[in-house]
Amino acid sequence: SGGGFVQPGGSLRLSCVVSGSIFIIYNMDW
C-alpha cells in the first residue's frame, strides 16, 4: 500500500504486510 501520484521532489511511503502461515522471514525486499 501507499503508492500513488506525486510531483518530482515529493515523498511517498510504501508499506507491505505479510500474513498467513509463515515462520521466519529472512530478507525482505522492495
Full PDB file with SEQRES, HELIX, SHEET, SSBOND, CRYST1, ORIGX, SCALE, CONECT and MASTER records, all heavy atoms in Angstrom:
SEQRES   1 A   30  SER GLY GLY GLY PHE VAL GLN PRO GLY GLY SER LEU ARG          
SEQRES   2 A   30  LEU SER CYS VAL VAL SER GLY SER ILE PHE ILE ILE TYR          
SEQRES   3 A   30  ASN MET ASP TRP                                              
CRYST1    1.000    1.000    1.000  90.00  90.00  90.00 P 1           1          
ORIGX1      1.000000  0.000000  0.000000        0.00000                         
ORIGX2      0.000000  1.000000  0.000000        0.00000                         
ORIGX3      0.000000  0.000000  1.000000        0.00000                         
SCALE1      1.000000  0.000000  0.000000        0.00000                         
SCALE2      0.000000  1.000000  0.000000        0.00000                         
SCALE3      0.000000  0.000000  1.000000        0.00000                         
ATOM      1  N   SER A   1       0.844  -1.189   0.000  1.00  0.00           N  
ATOM      2  CA  SER A   1       0.000   0.000   0.000  1.00  0.00           C  
ATOM      3  C   SER A   1       0.879   1.239   0.000  1.00  0.00           C  
ATOM      4  O   SER A   1       2.084   1.156   0.256  1.00  0.00           O  
ATOM      5  CB  SER A   1      -0.923   0.012   1.226  1.00  0.00           C  
ATOM      6  OG  SER A   1      -0.165   0.055   2.416  1.00  0.00           O  
ATOM      7  N   GLY A   2       0.266   2.378  -0.309  1.00  0.00           N  
ATOM      8  CA  GLY A   2       0.984   3.637  -0.236  1.00  0.00           C  
ATOM      9  C   GLY A   2       1.390   4.231  -1.561  1.00  0.00           C  
ATOM     10  O   GLY A   2       1.916   5.344  -1.619  1.00  0.00           O  
ATOM     11  N   GLY A   3       1.166   3.508  -2.649  1.00  0.00           N  
ATOM     12  CA  GLY A   3       1.501   4.053  -3.953  1.00  0.00           C  
ATOM     13  C   GLY A   3       0.560   5.179  -4.338  1.00  0.00           C  
ATOM     14  O   GLY A   3      -0.456   5.416  -3.695  1.00  0.00           O  
ATOM     15  N   GLY A   4       0.918   5.880  -5.401  1.00  0.00           N  
ATOM     16  CA  GLY A   4       0.075   6.962  -5.858  1.00  0.00           C  
ATOM     17  C   GLY A   4       0.813   7.890  -6.783  1.00  0.00           C  
ATOM     18  O   GLY A   4       1.888   7.564  -7.305  1.00  0.00           O  
ATOM     19  N   PHE A   5       0.228   9.067  -6.966  1.00  0.00           N  
ATOM     20  CA  PHE A   5       0.781  10.077  -7.858  1.00  0.00           C  
ATOM     21  C   PHE A   5       1.459  11.149  -7.010  1.00  0.00           C  
ATOM     22  O   PHE A   5       0.892  11.637  -6.038  1.00  0.00           O  
ATOM     23  CB  PHE A   5      -0.342  10.692  -8.689  1.00  0.00           C  
ATOM     24  CG  PHE A   5       0.129  11.698  -9.695  1.00  0.00           C  
ATOM     25  CD1 PHE A   5       0.412  11.318 -10.994  1.00  0.00           C  
ATOM     26  CD2 PHE A   5       0.281  13.033  -9.343  1.00  0.00           C  
ATOM     27  CE1 PHE A   5       0.848  12.238 -11.927  1.00  0.00           C  
ATOM     28  CE2 PHE A   5       0.711  13.963 -10.263  1.00  0.00           C  
ATOM     29  CZ  PHE A   5       0.996  13.575 -11.559  1.00  0.00           C  
ATOM     30  N   VAL A   6       2.665  11.535  -7.427  1.00  0.00           N  
ATOM     31  CA  VAL A   6       3.396  12.568  -6.693  1.00  0.00           C  
ATOM     32  C   VAL A   6       4.224  13.377  -7.675  1.00  0.00           C  
ATOM     33  O   VAL A   6       4.666  12.861  -8.706  1.00  0.00           O  
ATOM     34  CB  VAL A   6       4.289  11.934  -5.596  1.00  0.00           C  
ATOM     35  CG1 VAL A   6       5.355  11.037  -6.213  1.00  0.00           C  
ATOM     36  CG2 VAL A   6       4.888  12.986  -4.689  1.00  0.00           C  
ATOM     37  N   GLN A   7       4.421  14.639  -7.357  1.00  0.00           N  
ATOM     38  CA  GLN A   7       5.238  15.502  -8.207  1.00  0.00           C  
ATOM     39  C   GLN A   7       6.715  15.267  -7.927  1.00  0.00           C  
ATOM     40  O   GLN A   7       7.093  14.803  -6.837  1.00  0.00           O  
ATOM     41  CB  GLN A   7       4.885  16.960  -7.965  1.00  0.00           C  
ATOM     42  CG  GLN A   7       3.487  17.336  -8.432  1.00  0.00           C  
ATOM     43  CD  GLN A   7       3.217  18.829  -8.319  1.00  0.00           C  
ATOM     44  OE1 GLN A   7       3.838  19.520  -7.521  1.00  0.00           O  
ATOM     45  NE2 GLN A   7       2.300  19.321  -9.134  1.00  0.00           N  
ATOM     46  N   PRO A   8       7.570  15.570  -8.898  1.00  0.00           N  
ATOM     47  CA  PRO A   8       9.021  15.439  -8.663  1.00  0.00           C  
ATOM     48  C   PRO A   8       9.441  16.214  -7.414  1.00  0.00           C  
ATOM     49  O   PRO A   8       8.977  17.331  -7.177  1.00  0.00           O  
ATOM     50  CB  PRO A   8       9.624  16.036  -9.931  1.00  0.00           C  
ATOM     51  CG  PRO A   8       8.583  15.806 -10.979  1.00  0.00           C  
ATOM     52  CD  PRO A   8       7.275  15.986 -10.272  1.00  0.00           C  
ATOM     53  N   GLY A   9      10.318  15.603  -6.635  1.00  0.00           N  
ATOM     54  CA  GLY A   9      10.752  16.197  -5.381  1.00  0.00           C  
ATOM     55  C   GLY A   9       9.906  15.797  -4.196  1.00  0.00           C  
ATOM     56  O   GLY A   9      10.278  16.064  -3.040  1.00  0.00           O  
ATOM     57  N   GLY A  10       8.791  15.154  -4.453  1.00  0.00           N  
ATOM     58  CA  GLY A  10       7.889  14.755  -3.382  1.00  0.00           C  
ATOM     59  C   GLY A  10       8.312  13.469  -2.698  1.00  0.00           C  
ATOM     60  O   GLY A  10       9.346  12.878  -3.023  1.00  0.00           O  
ATOM     61  N   SER A  11       7.488  13.037  -1.747  1.00  0.00           N  
ATOM     62  CA  SER A  11       7.770  11.848  -0.957  1.00  0.00           C  
ATOM     63  C   SER A  11       6.559  10.925  -0.926  1.00  0.00           C  
ATOM     64  O   SER A  11       5.414  11.362  -1.046  1.00  0.00           O  
ATOM     65  CB  SER A  11       8.121  12.242   0.483  1.00  0.00           C  
ATOM     66  OG  SER A  11       9.261  13.066   0.535  1.00  0.00           O  
ATOM     67  N   LEU A  12       6.843   9.656  -0.762  1.00  0.00           N  
ATOM     68  CA  LEU A  12       5.821   8.638  -0.537  1.00  0.00           C  
ATOM     69  C   LEU A  12       6.394   7.593   0.407  1.00  0.00           C  
ATOM     70  O   LEU A  12       7.610   7.378   0.436  1.00  0.00           O  
ATOM     71  CB  LEU A  12       5.397   7.956  -1.836  1.00  0.00           C  
ATOM     72  CG  LEU A  12       4.426   8.666  -2.775  1.00  0.00           C  
ATOM     73  CD1 LEU A  12       4.244   7.836  -4.040  1.00  0.00           C  
ATOM     74  CD2 LEU A  12       3.080   8.914  -2.111  1.00  0.00           C  
ATOM     75  N   ARG A  13       5.496   6.945   1.131  1.00  0.00           N  
ATOM     76  CA  ARG A  13       5.912   5.839   1.995  1.00  0.00           C  
ATOM     77  C   ARG A  13       5.097   4.610   1.606  1.00  0.00           C  
ATOM     78  O   ARG A  13       3.867   4.607   1.685  1.00  0.00           O  
ATOM     79  CB  ARG A  13       5.695   6.165   3.468  1.00  0.00           C  
ATOM     80  CG  ARG A  13       6.267   5.098   4.413  1.00  0.00           C  
ATOM     81  CD  ARG A  13       6.081   5.493   5.862  1.00  0.00           C  
ATOM     82  NE  ARG A  13       6.718   4.544   6.777  1.00  0.00           N  
ATOM     83  CZ  ARG A  13       7.966   4.658   7.192  1.00  0.00           C  
ATOM     84  NH1 ARG A  13       8.721   5.675   6.795  1.00  0.00           N  
ATOM     85  NH2 ARG A  13       8.469   3.765   8.036  1.00  0.00           N  
ATOM     86  N   LEU A  14       5.798   3.559   1.178  1.00  0.00           N  
ATOM     87  CA  LEU A  14       5.161   2.298   0.844  1.00  0.00           C  
ATOM     88  C   LEU A  14       5.225   1.356   2.042  1.00  0.00           C  
ATOM     89  O   LEU A  14       6.208   1.360   2.783  1.00  0.00           O  
ATOM     90  CB  LEU A  14       5.858   1.643  -0.349  1.00  0.00           C  
ATOM     91  CG  LEU A  14       5.991   2.492  -1.621  1.00  0.00           C  
ATOM     92  CD1 LEU A  14       6.650   1.658  -2.718  1.00  0.00           C  
ATOM     93  CD2 LEU A  14       4.658   3.009  -2.073  1.00  0.00           C  
ATOM     94  N   SER A  15       4.169   0.579   2.199  1.00  0.00           N  
ATOM     95  CA  SER A  15       4.134  -0.417   3.259  1.00  0.00           C  
ATOM     96  C   SER A  15       3.743  -1.765   2.686  1.00  0.00           C  
ATOM     97  O   SER A  15       3.014  -1.835   1.690  1.00  0.00           O  
ATOM     98  CB  SER A  15       3.131  -0.006   4.345  1.00  0.00           C  
ATOM     99  OG  SER A  15       3.535   1.178   4.995  1.00  0.00           O  
ATOM    100  N   CYS A  16       4.222  -2.820   3.313  1.00  0.00           N  
ATOM    101  CA  CYS A  16       3.890  -4.174   2.888  1.00  0.00           C  
ATOM    102  C   CYS A  16       3.650  -5.015   4.142  1.00  0.00           C  
ATOM    103  O   CYS A  16       4.494  -5.035   5.049  1.00  0.00           O  
ATOM    104  CB  CYS A  16       5.020  -4.760   2.057  1.00  0.00           C  
ATOM    105  SG  CYS A  16       4.804  -6.490   1.591  1.00  0.00           S  
ATOM    106  N   VAL A  17       2.516  -5.685   4.167  1.00  0.00           N  
ATOM    107  CA  VAL A  17       2.169  -6.546   5.289  1.00  0.00           C  
ATOM    108  C   VAL A  17       2.147  -7.990   4.815  1.00  0.00           C  
ATOM    109  O   VAL A  17       1.530  -8.304   3.795  1.00  0.00           O  
ATOM    110  CB  VAL A  17       0.791  -6.177   5.867  1.00  0.00           C  
ATOM    111  CG1 VAL A  17       0.439  -7.099   7.023  1.00  0.00           C  
ATOM    112  CG2 VAL A  17       0.772  -4.723   6.320  1.00  0.00           C  
ATOM    113  N   VAL A  18       2.823  -8.863   5.560  1.00  0.00           N  
ATOM    114  CA  VAL A  18       2.859 -10.296   5.258  1.00  0.00           C  
ATOM    115  C   VAL A  18       1.914 -11.004   6.220  1.00  0.00           C  
ATOM    116  O   VAL A  18       2.037 -10.852   7.435  1.00  0.00           O  
ATOM    117  CB  VAL A  18       4.271 -10.868   5.394  1.00  0.00           C  
ATOM    118  CG1 VAL A  18       4.278 -12.343   5.013  1.00  0.00           C  
ATOM    119  CG2 VAL A  18       5.251 -10.078   4.550  1.00  0.00           C  
ATOM    120  N   SER A  19       0.984 -11.781   5.681  1.00  0.00           N  
ATOM    121  CA  SER A  19       0.058 -12.514   6.534  1.00  0.00           C  
ATOM    122  C   SER A  19       0.034 -13.977   6.118  1.00  0.00           C  
ATOM    123  O   SER A  19       0.458 -14.333   5.023  1.00  0.00           O  
ATOM    124  CB  SER A  19      -1.344 -11.910   6.436  1.00  0.00           C  
ATOM    125  OG  SER A  19      -1.832 -11.994   5.112  1.00  0.00           O  
ATOM    126  N   GLY A  20      -0.498 -14.813   7.023  1.00  0.00           N  
ATOM    127  CA  GLY A  20      -0.599 -16.233   6.721  1.00  0.00           C  
ATOM    128  C   GLY A  20       0.391 -17.054   7.515  1.00  0.00           C  
ATOM    129  O   GLY A  20       1.103 -16.560   8.375  1.00  0.00           O  
ATOM    130  N   SER A  21       0.455 -18.330   7.173  1.00  0.00           N  
ATOM    131  CA  SER A  21       1.310 -19.270   7.890  1.00  0.00           C  
ATOM    132  C   SER A  21       2.743 -19.142   7.402  1.00  0.00           C  
ATOM    133  O   SER A  21       3.104 -19.717   6.380  1.00  0.00           O  
ATOM    134  CB  SER A  21       0.802 -20.691   7.680  1.00  0.00           C  
ATOM    135  OG  SER A  21      -0.509 -20.821   8.170  1.00  0.00           O  
ATOM    136  N   ILE A  22       3.512 -18.404   8.155  1.00  0.00           N  
ATOM    137  CA  ILE A  22       4.897 -18.193   7.767  1.00  0.00           C  
ATOM    138  C   ILE A  22       5.743 -18.193   9.035  1.00  0.00           C  
ATOM    139  O   ILE A  22       5.351 -17.620  10.043  1.00  0.00           O  
ATOM    140  CB  ILE A  22       5.043 -16.883   6.964  1.00  0.00           C  
ATOM    141  CG1 ILE A  22       6.381 -16.797   6.265  1.00  0.00           C  
ATOM    142  CG2 ILE A  22       4.808 -15.660   7.838  1.00  0.00           C  
ATOM    143  CD1 ILE A  22       6.416 -15.751   5.176  1.00  0.00           C  
ATOM    144  N   PHE A  23       6.867 -18.858   8.999  1.00  0.00           N  
ATOM    145  CA  PHE A  23       7.685 -18.969  10.193  1.00  0.00           C  
ATOM    146  C   PHE A  23       8.678 -17.827  10.290  1.00  0.00           C  
ATOM    147  O   PHE A  23       8.411 -16.813  10.881  1.00  0.00           O  
ATOM    148  CB  PHE A  23       8.375 -20.327  10.227  1.00  0.00           C  
ATOM    149  CG  PHE A  23       7.423 -21.453  10.412  1.00  0.00           C  
ATOM    150  CD1 PHE A  23       7.117 -22.305   9.370  1.00  0.00           C  
ATOM    151  CD2 PHE A  23       6.802 -21.670  11.638  1.00  0.00           C  
ATOM    152  CE1 PHE A  23       6.221 -23.340   9.540  1.00  0.00           C  
ATOM    153  CE2 PHE A  23       5.906 -22.692  11.816  1.00  0.00           C  
ATOM    154  CZ  PHE A  23       5.610 -23.531  10.762  1.00  0.00           C  
ATOM    155  N   ILE A  24       9.810 -17.997   9.684  1.00  0.00           N  
ATOM    156  CA  ILE A  24      10.829 -16.963   9.779  1.00  0.00           C  
ATOM    157  C   ILE A  24      11.049 -16.335   8.404  1.00  0.00           C  
ATOM    158  O   ILE A  24      11.294 -17.025   7.429  1.00  0.00           O  
ATOM    159  CB  ILE A  24      12.158 -17.533  10.298  1.00  0.00           C  
ATOM    160  CG1 ILE A  24      11.978 -18.079  11.727  1.00  0.00           C  
ATOM    161  CG2 ILE A  24      13.251 -16.458  10.289  1.00  0.00           C  
ATOM    162  CD1 ILE A  24      13.210 -18.762  12.263  1.00  0.00           C  
ATOM    163  N   ILE A  25      10.962 -15.014   8.366  1.00  0.00           N  
ATOM    164  CA  ILE A  25      11.289 -14.283   7.140  1.00  0.00           C  
ATOM    165  C   ILE A  25      12.719 -13.803   7.260  1.00  0.00           C  
ATOM    166  O   ILE A  25      13.070 -13.121   8.224  1.00  0.00           O  
ATOM    167  CB  ILE A  25      10.351 -13.082   6.939  1.00  0.00           C  
ATOM    168  CG1 ILE A  25       8.893 -13.549   6.842  1.00  0.00           C  
ATOM    169  CG2 ILE A  25      10.735 -12.318   5.668  1.00  0.00           C  
ATOM    170  CD1 ILE A  25       7.894 -12.411   6.783  1.00  0.00           C  
ATOM    171  N   TYR A  26      13.532 -14.171   6.331  1.00  0.00           N  
ATOM    172  CA  TYR A  26      14.914 -13.717   6.334  1.00  0.00           C  
ATOM    173  C   TYR A  26      14.995 -12.336   5.691  1.00  0.00           C  
ATOM    174  O   TYR A  26      14.661 -11.348   6.312  1.00  0.00           O  
ATOM    175  CB  TYR A  26      15.813 -14.750   5.668  1.00  0.00           C  
ATOM    176  CG  TYR A  26      15.863 -16.028   6.471  1.00  0.00           C  
ATOM    177  CD1 TYR A  26      15.143 -17.157   6.086  1.00  0.00           C  
ATOM    178  CD2 TYR A  26      16.589 -16.098   7.654  1.00  0.00           C  
ATOM    179  CE1 TYR A  26      15.167 -18.313   6.854  1.00  0.00           C  
ATOM    180  CE2 TYR A  26      16.621 -17.254   8.429  1.00  0.00           C  
ATOM    181  CZ  TYR A  26      15.898 -18.353   8.020  1.00  0.00           C  
ATOM    182  OH  TYR A  26      15.900 -19.493   8.784  1.00  0.00           O  
ATOM    183  N   ASN A  27      15.348 -12.264   4.449  1.00  0.00           N  
ATOM    184  CA  ASN A  27      15.392 -10.949   3.801  1.00  0.00           C  
ATOM    185  C   ASN A  27      13.992 -10.485   3.408  1.00  0.00           C  
ATOM    186  O   ASN A  27      13.130 -11.288   3.052  1.00  0.00           O  
ATOM    187  CB  ASN A  27      16.263 -11.001   2.551  1.00  0.00           C  
ATOM    188  CG  ASN A  27      17.734 -11.064   2.869  1.00  0.00           C  
ATOM    189  OD1 ASN A  27      18.120 -11.261   4.028  1.00  0.00           O  
ATOM    190  ND2 ASN A  27      18.559 -10.909   1.857  1.00  0.00           N  
ATOM    191  N   MET A  28      13.799  -9.175   3.465  1.00  0.00           N  
ATOM    192  CA  MET A  28      12.609  -8.545   2.904  1.00  0.00           C  
ATOM    193  C   MET A  28      13.096  -7.485   1.917  1.00  0.00           C  
ATOM    194  O   MET A  28      14.033  -6.739   2.220  1.00  0.00           O  
ATOM    195  CB  MET A  28      11.740  -7.929   3.992  1.00  0.00           C  
ATOM    196  CG  MET A  28      11.232  -8.938   5.003  1.00  0.00           C  
ATOM    197  SD  MET A  28      10.032  -8.259   6.168  1.00  0.00           S  
ATOM    198  CE  MET A  28       8.528  -8.365   5.185  1.00  0.00           C  
ATOM    199  N   ASP A  29      12.487  -7.484   0.747  1.00  0.00           N  
ATOM    200  CA  ASP A  29      12.993  -6.642  -0.336  1.00  0.00           C  
ATOM    201  C   ASP A  29      11.879  -5.788  -0.930  1.00  0.00           C  
ATOM    202  O   ASP A  29      10.701  -6.133  -0.857  1.00  0.00           O  
ATOM    203  CB  ASP A  29      13.552  -7.513  -1.477  1.00  0.00           C  
ATOM    204  CG  ASP A  29      14.421  -8.640  -1.004  1.00  0.00           C  
ATOM    205  OD1 ASP A  29      15.313  -8.397  -0.179  1.00  0.00           O  
ATOM    206  OD2 ASP A  29      14.210  -9.774  -1.473  1.00  0.00           O  
ATOM    207  N   TRP A  30      12.298  -4.716  -1.555  1.00  0.00           N  
ATOM    208  CA  TRP A  30      11.444  -3.953  -2.455  1.00  0.00           C  
ATOM    209  C   TRP A  30      12.074  -3.999  -3.843  1.00  0.00           C  
ATOM    210  O   TRP A  30      13.262  -3.707  -3.999  1.00  0.00           O  
ATOM    211  CB  TRP A  30      11.305  -2.504  -2.006  1.00  0.00           C  
ATOM    212  CG  TRP A  30      10.363  -2.327  -0.861  1.00  0.00           C  
ATOM    213  CD1 TRP A  30      10.685  -2.225   0.462  1.00  0.00           C  
ATOM    214  CD2 TRP A  30       8.932  -2.240  -0.929  1.00  0.00           C  
ATOM    215  NE1 TRP A  30       9.544  -2.087   1.217  1.00  0.00           N  
ATOM    216  CE2 TRP A  30       8.456  -2.090   0.389  1.00  0.00           C  
ATOM    217  CE3 TRP A  30       8.002  -2.284  -1.974  1.00  0.00           C  
ATOM    218  CZ2 TRP A  30       7.100  -1.968   0.688  1.00  0.00           C  
ATOM    219  CZ3 TRP A  30       6.668  -2.170  -1.677  1.00  0.00           C  
ATOM    220  CH2 TRP A  30       6.228  -2.013  -0.371  1.00  0.00           C  
TER     221      TRP A  30                                                      
MASTER        0    0    0    0    0    0    0    6  220    1    0    3          
END                                                                             
